[in-house]
């Protein structure tokens, strides 16, 4: 399914998406190069501590640990919000297995259910 077909079908309610939280986090971490950014920020924090800026260095180091985890935790919401607008993101997220396109099950019993 192409991106244009997906957007048309999604807005018509013919398909829905299922996002695997773990794969979405790993996908977004790889796409944003989070491990490399985290290592650089933690290294900056260590450098600040060694230069005598103890509290600032500890805060920067903590940010280098906490922010990537928060980004991974919010990956599912990010993909939901941006998948319809970016064809490249759609193609790579589906290819990685983080996003699955399924036919919408429209019955009276599950209209209020959120996947």
Protein backbone atom coordinates (compact mmCIF):
# COMPACT_ATOMS: atom_id res chain seq x y z
CA UNK A 1 0.00 0.00 0.00
CA UNK A 2 1.41 3.38 -0.97
CA UNK A 3 1.31 6.41 1.27
CA UNK A 4 -1.37 8.14 -0.81
CA UNK A 5 -3.58 5.03 -0.72
CA UNK A 6 -3.05 4.74 3.04
CA UNK A 7 -4.00 8.36 3.73
CA UNK A 8 -7.15 8.11 1.63
CA UNK A 9 -8.18 4.81 3.24
CA UNK A 10 -7.33 6.03 6.76
CA UNK A 11 -9.41 9.20 6.42
CA UNK A 12 -12.28 7.12 4.98
CA UNK A 13 -12.07 4.77 7.98
CA UNK A 14 -11.25 1.72 5.90
CA UNK A 15 -7.93 0.95 7.62
CA UNK A 16 -6.45 1.43 11.04
CA UNK A 17 -2.90 1.24 12.30
CA UNK A 18 -1.35 -0.88 15.01
CA UNK A 19 1.92 0.33 16.48
CA UNK A 20 4.26 -1.94 18.43
CA UNK A 21 5.57 0.22 21.28
CA UNK A 22 8.97 -1.49 21.54
CA UNK A 23 9.64 -1.51 17.81
CA UNK A 24 8.47 2.10 17.52
CA UNK A 25 10.95 3.13 20.22
CA UNK A 26 13.78 1.24 18.56
CA UNK A 27 12.82 2.63 15.15
CA UNK A 28 12.75 6.24 16.34
CA UNK A 29 16.01 5.79 18.27
CA UNK A 30 17.70 4.51 15.14
CA UNK A 31 16.18 7.23 12.94
CA UNK A 32 17.30 10.01 15.31
CA UNK A 33 20.66 8.37 16.13
CA UNK A 34 19.80 8.59 19.83
CA UNK A 35 22.66 6.42 21.13
CA UNK A 36 25.24 8.73 19.55
CA UNK A 37 23.51 11.85 20.85
CA UNK A 38 23.22 10.35 24.33
CA UNK A 39 26.91 9.44 24.40
CA UNK A 40 27.89 12.95 23.33
CA UNK A 41 25.66 14.62 25.94
CA UNK A 42 26.84 12.31 28.71
CA UNK A 43 30.44 13.00 27.68
CA UNK A 44 29.75 16.73 27.86
CA UNK A 45 28.36 16.24 31.36
CA UNK A 46 31.48 14.33 32.41
CA UNK A 47 33.64 17.08 30.96
CA UNK A 48 31.74 19.74 32.90
CA UNK A 49 32.19 17.75 36.13
CA UNK A 50 35.94 17.43 35.49
CA UNK A 51 36.21 21.19 34.90
CA UNK A 52 34.61 21.90 38.24
CA UNK A 53 31.00 22.54 37.21
CA UNK A 54 29.73 19.66 39.33
CA UNK A 55 25.98 20.33 39.45
CA UNK A 56 25.71 21.50 35.87
CA UNK A 57 27.69 18.47 34.69
CA UNK A 58 25.47 16.11 36.66
CA UNK A 59 22.35 17.76 35.24
CA UNK A 60 23.64 17.55 31.66
CA UNK A 61 24.65 13.91 32.18
CA UNK A 62 21.22 13.10 33.61
CA UNK A 63 19.58 14.73 30.58
CA UNK A 64 21.72 12.52 28.34
CA UNK A 65 20.24 9.48 30.08
CA UNK A 66 16.63 10.58 30.63
CA UNK A 67 15.75 12.37 27.37
CA UNK A 68 16.41 9.38 25.04
CA UNK A 69 14.21 7.22 27.26
CA UNK A 70 11.43 9.79 27.13
CA UNK A 71 11.74 10.00 23.34
CA UNK A 72 11.45 6.21 23.07
CA UNK A 73 8.43 6.20 25.37
CA UNK A 74 6.68 8.82 23.23
CA UNK A 75 7.54 7.16 19.91
CA UNK A 76 4.08 5.65 19.50
CA UNK A 77 2.38 9.04 19.76
CA UNK A 78 4.91 10.59 17.42
CA UNK A 79 4.30 7.97 14.76
CA UNK A 80 0.52 8.32 15.07
CA UNK A 81 0.77 12.09 14.71
CA UNK A 82 3.19 12.16 11.77
CA UNK A 83 2.65 9.02 9.72
CA UNK A 84 -0.08 10.53 7.52
CA UNK A 85 1.97 13.60 6.65
CA UNK A 86 5.35 12.12 5.73
CA UNK A 87 5.62 9.47 2.99
CA UNK A 88 9.22 8.63 3.89
CA UNK A 89 8.35 8.09 7.53
CA UNK A 90 5.38 5.93 6.53
CA UNK A 91 7.42 3.70 4.22
CA UNK A 92 10.31 3.19 6.63
CA UNK A 93 8.07 2.65 9.69
CA UNK A 94 6.04 0.01 7.88
CA UNK A 95 9.21 -1.63 6.55
CA UNK A 96 10.71 -1.78 10.06
CA UNK A 97 7.63 -3.47 11.47
CA UNK A 98 6.86 -0.67 13.92
CA UNK A 99 3.59 0.11 12.12
CA UNK A 100 1.10 -2.41 10.81
CA UNK A 101 -1.80 -1.46 8.54
CA UNK A 102 -4.93 -3.50 9.20
CA UNK A 103 -8.40 -3.38 7.73
CA UNK A 104 -10.73 -1.46 10.01
CA UNK A 105 -13.18 -3.64 11.89
CA UNK A 106 -16.26 -1.45 11.97
CA UNK A 107 -18.92 -3.12 14.05
CA UNK A 108 -21.28 -1.69 16.61
CA UNK A 109 -19.51 -3.48 19.47
CA UNK A 110 -16.06 -1.95 18.88
CA UNK A 111 -16.72 1.60 17.72
CA UNK A 112 -15.41 3.04 20.96
CA UNK A 113 -12.37 0.80 21.18
CA UNK A 114 -8.93 2.33 20.65
CA UNK A 115 -6.06 0.11 19.58
